[in-house]
């Protein structure tokens, strides 16, 4: 069978389209993976999660930050307007203390501090107490 120039052009176009499709499908599937990977925590981040004495949850994260350590603690009770007193300790010494109120939309609050990176492992403890209910959260992380 002899092909006409028009048939040869269609065949070449189909082959090119198939080749492009074969390349595009893996790239399309890989794109969400790239976005997910960039949105996740760094390898150096240490994250811990847990429950408090009631229905509240806590999360604490420590990560290196320009020669210091950034510590972020979050209390999530899913209830807006709760007042919590808290203390952040670094290697047993009080590094910060305060009071925070859970806010909309998630009924949570977070505390973030940049602290000195001491020699060796650094241990952080975040303790929060709900002023009204007496519920206690104790979050610990080491870096």
C-alpha atoms as a PDB file:
ATOM      1  CA  UNK A   1       0.000   0.000   0.000  1.00  0.00           C
ATOM      2  CA  UNK A   2       1.395   3.332  -1.031  1.00  0.00           C
ATOM      3  CA  UNK A   3       0.756   6.250   1.267  1.00  0.00           C
ATOM      4  CA  UNK A   4      -0.238   9.600  -0.012  1.00  0.00           C
ATOM      5  CA  UNK A   5       1.449  12.701   1.454  1.00  0.00           C
ATOM      6  CA  UNK A   6      -1.787  13.455   3.308  1.00  0.00           C
ATOM      7  CA  UNK A   7      -1.883   9.965   4.940  1.00  0.00           C
ATOM      8  CA  UNK A   8       1.795  10.202   5.900  1.00  0.00           C
ATOM      9  CA  UNK A   9       1.181  13.600   7.504  1.00  0.00           C
ATOM     10  CA  UNK A  10      -1.754  12.233   9.546  1.00  0.00           C
ATOM     11  CA  UNK A  11       0.307   9.245  10.674  1.00  0.00           C
ATOM     12  CA  UNK A  12       3.165  11.504  11.760  1.00  0.00           C
ATOM     13  CA  UNK A  13       0.732  13.813  13.574  1.00  0.00           C
ATOM     14  CA  UNK A  14      -0.823  10.862  15.414  1.00  0.00           C
ATOM     15  CA  UNK A  15       2.576   9.559  16.466  1.00  0.00           C
ATOM     16  CA  UNK A  16       3.599  13.002  17.693  1.00  0.00           C
ATOM     17  CA  UNK A  17       0.344  13.378  19.645  1.00  0.00           C
ATOM     18  CA  UNK A  18       0.822   9.951  21.255  1.00  0.00           C
ATOM     19  CA  UNK A  19       4.406  10.782  22.202  1.00  0.00           C
ATOM     20  CA  UNK A  20       3.362  14.091  23.754  1.00  0.00           C
ATOM     21  CA  UNK A  21       0.529  12.392  25.624  1.00  0.00           C
ATOM     22  CA  UNK A  22       2.940   9.744  26.913  1.00  0.00           C
ATOM     23  CA  UNK A  23       5.122  12.542  28.332  1.00  0.00           C
ATOM     24  CA  UNK A  24       2.280  14.707  29.630  1.00  0.00           C
ATOM     25  CA  UNK A  25       0.523  12.030  31.711  1.00  0.00           C
ATOM     26  CA  UNK A  26       3.503  11.280  34.021  1.00  0.00           C
ATOM     27  CA  UNK A  27       4.244  14.998  34.396  1.00  0.00           C
ATOM     28  CA  UNK A  28       0.618  15.727  35.269  1.00  0.00           C
ATOM     29  CA  UNK A  29       0.594  12.968  37.869  1.00  0.00           C
ATOM     30  CA  UNK A  30       3.904  14.152  39.352  1.00  0.00           C
ATOM     31  CA  UNK A  31       2.842  17.818  39.689  1.00  0.00           C
ATOM     32  CA  UNK A  32       0.728  17.317  42.854  1.00  0.00           C
ATOM     33  CA  UNK A  33       3.608  15.400  44.422  1.00  0.00           C
ATOM     34  CA  UNK A  34       5.945  18.334  43.921  1.00  0.00           C
ATOM     35  CA  UNK A  35       3.451  20.734  45.502  1.00  0.00           C
ATOM     36  CA  UNK A  36       2.851  18.357  48.416  1.00  0.00           C
ATOM     37  CA  UNK A  37       6.546  17.902  49.034  1.00  0.00           C
ATOM     38  CA  UNK A  38       7.227  21.631  49.130  1.00  0.00           C
ATOM     39  CA  UNK A  39       4.322  22.206  51.529  1.00  0.00           C
ATOM     40  CA  UNK A  40       5.482  19.610  54.052  1.00  0.00           C
ATOM     41  CA  UNK A  41       7.817  20.156  56.990  1.00  0.00           C
ATOM     42  CA  UNK A  42      11.587  20.235  56.524  1.00  0.00           C
ATOM     43  CA  UNK A  43      13.640  17.193  57.476  1.00  0.00           C
ATOM     44  CA  UNK A  44      15.088  19.151  60.412  1.00  0.00           C
ATOM     45  CA  UNK A  45      11.640  19.970  61.865  1.00  0.00           C
ATOM     46  CA  UNK A  46      10.493  17.905  64.833  1.00  0.00           C
ATOM     47  CA  UNK A  47       6.717  17.792  65.343  1.00  0.00           C
ATOM     48  CA  UNK A  48       4.804  16.115  68.143  1.00  0.00           C
ATOM     49  CA  UNK A  49       1.036  15.863  68.685  1.00  0.00           C
ATOM     50  CA  UNK A  50      -1.114  14.696  71.546  1.00  0.00           C
ATOM     51  CA  UNK A  51      -4.230  15.065  73.657  1.00  0.00           C
ATOM     52  CA  UNK A  52      -4.793  17.093  76.797  1.00  0.00           C
ATOM     53  CA  UNK A  53      -6.621  15.938  79.927  1.00  0.00           C
ATOM     54  CA  UNK A  54      -9.971  16.777  78.267  1.00  0.00           C
ATOM     55  CA  UNK A  55     -11.056  16.916  74.633  1.00  0.00           C
ATOM     56  CA  UNK A  56      -8.410  19.450  73.539  1.00  0.00           C
ATOM     57  CA  UNK A  57      -5.437  18.558  71.310  1.00  0.00           C
ATOM     58  CA  UNK A  58      -1.940  20.026  71.254  1.00  0.00           C
ATOM     59  CA  UNK A  59       0.857  20.233  68.686  1.00  0.00           C
ATOM     60  CA  UNK A  60       4.427  21.402  69.203  1.00  0.00           C
ATOM     61  CA  UNK A  61       7.098  21.970  66.554  1.00  0.00           C
ATOM     62  CA  UNK A  62      10.793  22.819  66.875  1.00  0.00           C
ATOM     63  CA  UNK A  63      13.082  23.684  63.992  1.00  0.00           C
ATOM     64  CA  UNK A  64      16.461  25.340  63.427  1.00  0.00           C
ATOM     65  CA  UNK A  65      16.174  28.982  62.372  1.00  0.00           C
ATOM     66  CA  UNK A  66      19.307  31.064  61.614  1.00  0.00           C
ATOM     67  CA  UNK A  67      21.329  29.801  64.581  1.00  0.00           C
ATOM     68  CA  UNK A  68      18.331  29.787  66.909  1.00  0.00           C
ATOM     69  CA  UNK A  69      15.468  27.360  67.438  1.00  0.00           C
ATOM     70  CA  UNK A  70      11.927  28.300  66.519  1.00  0.00           C
ATOM     71  CA  UNK A  71       9.373  26.637  68.774  1.00  0.00           C
ATOM     72  CA  UNK A  72       5.688  26.783  67.937  1.00  0.00           C
ATOM     73  CA  UNK A  73       2.994  25.303  70.178  1.00  0.00           C
ATOM     74  CA  UNK A  74      -0.686  25.128  69.294  1.00  0.00           C
ATOM     75  CA  UNK A  75      -3.692  24.376  71.488  1.00  0.00           C
ATOM     76  CA  UNK A  76      -6.865  23.373  69.612  1.00  0.00           C
ATOM     77  CA  UNK A  77     -10.045  22.982  71.662  1.00  0.00           C
ATOM     78  CA  UNK A  78     -12.505  23.724  68.823  1.00  0.00           C
ATOM     79  CA  UNK A  79     -14.182  26.212  71.194  1.00  0.00           C
ATOM     80  CA  UNK A  80     -13.817  29.978  70.689  1.00  0.00           C
ATOM     81  CA  UNK A  81     -13.260  32.340  73.620  1.00  0.00           C
ATOM     82  CA  UNK A  82     -11.457  30.039  76.064  1.00  0.00           C
ATOM     83  CA  UNK A  83      -8.629  31.636  78.073  1.00  0.00           C
ATOM     84  CA  UNK A  84      -5.527  29.550  78.645  1.00  0.00           C
ATOM     85  CA  UNK A  85      -2.493  30.368  80.763  1.00  0.00           C
ATOM     86  CA  UNK A  86       0.717  28.890  79.398  1.00  0.00           C
ATOM     87  CA  UNK A  87       4.427  28.459  80.147  1.00  0.00           C
ATOM     88  CA  UNK A  88       7.182  27.530  77.673  1.00  0.00           C
ATOM     89  CA  UNK A  89      10.271  25.947  79.237  1.00  0.00           C
ATOM     90  CA  UNK A  90      13.643  25.457  77.561  1.00  0.00           C
ATOM     91  CA  UNK A  91      15.827  22.826  79.251  1.00  0.00           C
ATOM     92  CA  UNK A  92      13.740  23.244  82.422  1.00  0.00           C
ATOM     93  CA  UNK A  93      14.009  27.058  82.646  1.00  0.00           C
ATOM     94  CA  UNK A  94      11.073  29.353  81.901  1.00  0.00           C
ATOM     95  CA  UNK A  95      11.627  30.882  78.461  1.00  0.00           C
ATOM     96  CA  UNK A  96       8.213  32.560  78.107  1.00  0.00           C
ATOM     97  CA  UNK A  97       4.820  32.709  79.775  1.00  0.00           C
ATOM     98  CA  UNK A  98       1.519  34.313  79.014  1.00  0.00           C
ATOM     99  CA  UNK A  99      -2.182  33.982  78.481  1.00  0.00           C
ATOM    100  CA  UNK A 100      -3.988  33.369  75.191  1.00  0.00           C
ATOM    101  CA  UNK A 101      -7.595  33.067  74.070  1.00  0.00           C
ATOM    102  CA  UNK A 102      -8.870  30.586  71.491  1.00  0.00           C
ATOM    103  CA  UNK A 103     -10.176  32.322  68.390  1.00  0.00           C
ATOM    104  CA  UNK A 104     -12.345  31.611  65.351  1.00  0.00           C
ATOM    105  CA  UNK A 105     -12.510  29.884  63.021  1.00  0.00           C
ATOM    106  CA  UNK A 106     -10.825  26.855  64.614  1.00  0.00           C
ATOM    107  CA  UNK A 107     -11.073  27.526  68.357  1.00  0.00           C
ATOM    108  CA  UNK A 108      -7.319  27.452  68.766  1.00  0.00           C
ATOM    109  CA  UNK A 109      -4.306  29.597  69.581  1.00  0.00           C
ATOM    110  CA  UNK A 110      -0.598  29.257  68.965  1.00  0.00           C
ATOM    111  CA  UNK A 111       2.546  30.575  70.600  1.00  0.00           C
ATOM    112  CA  UNK A 112       5.758  31.012  68.644  1.00  0.00           C
ATOM    113  CA  UNK A 113       9.175  31.895  70.024  1.00  0.00           C
ATOM    114  CA  UNK A 114      12.739  31.941  68.664  1.00  0.00           C
ATOM    115  CA  UNK A 115      15.082  30.724  71.391  1.00  0.00           C
ATOM    116  CA  UNK A 116      18.822  30.281  71.828  1.00  0.00           C
ATOM    117  CA  UNK A 117      20.233  27.049  70.442  1.00  0.00           C
ATOM    118  CA  UNK A 118      22.151  25.658  73.435  1.00  0.00           C
ATOM    119  CA  UNK A 119      24.977  23.140  73.115  1.00  0.00           C
ATOM    120  CA  UNK A 120      23.678  19.601  72.662  1.00  0.00           C
ATOM    121  CA  UNK A 121      20.034  18.604  72.540  1.00  0.00           C
ATOM    122  CA  UNK A 122      17.466  21.237  73.472  1.00  0.00           C
ATOM    123  CA  UNK A 123      14.311  20.128  75.322  1.00  0.00           C
ATOM    124  CA  UNK A 124      11.130  22.220  75.247  1.00  0.00           C
ATOM    125  CA  UNK A 125       7.988  21.815  77.335  1.00  0.00           C
ATOM    126  CA  UNK A 126       4.815  23.802  76.703  1.00  0.00           C
ATOM    127  CA  UNK A 127       2.187  23.588  79.457  1.00  0.00           C
ATOM    128  CA  UNK A 128      -1.210  25.255  79.033  1.00  0.00           C
ATOM    129  CA  UNK A 129      -4.090  25.342  81.516  1.00  0.00           C
ATOM    130  CA  UNK A 130      -7.675  26.281  80.712  1.00  0.00           C
ATOM    131  CA  UNK A 131      -8.630  28.910  83.315  1.00  0.00           C
ATOM    132  CA  UNK A 132     -12.321  27.903  83.429  1.00  0.00           C
ATOM    133  CA  UNK A 133     -12.232  24.117  83.198  1.00  0.00           C
ATOM    134  CA  UNK A 134      -8.817  23.332  84.644  1.00  0.00           C
ATOM    135  CA  UNK A 135      -7.949  21.178  81.608  1.00  0.00           C
ATOM    136  CA  UNK A 136      -4.176  20.794  81.227  1.00  0.00           C
ATOM    137  CA  UNK A 137      -2.060  20.272  78.116  1.00  0.00           C
ATOM    138  CA  UNK A 138       1.617  19.283  78.300  1.00  0.00           C
ATOM    139  CA  UNK A 139       3.536  19.203  75.027  1.00  0.00           C
ATOM    140  CA  UNK A 140       7.191  18.165  74.819  1.00  0.00           C
ATOM    141  CA  UNK A 141       9.711  18.179  71.995  1.00  0.00           C
ATOM    142  CA  UNK A 142      13.508  17.905  71.726  1.00  0.00           C
ATOM    143  CA  UNK A 143      15.799  19.074  68.952  1.00  0.00           C
END
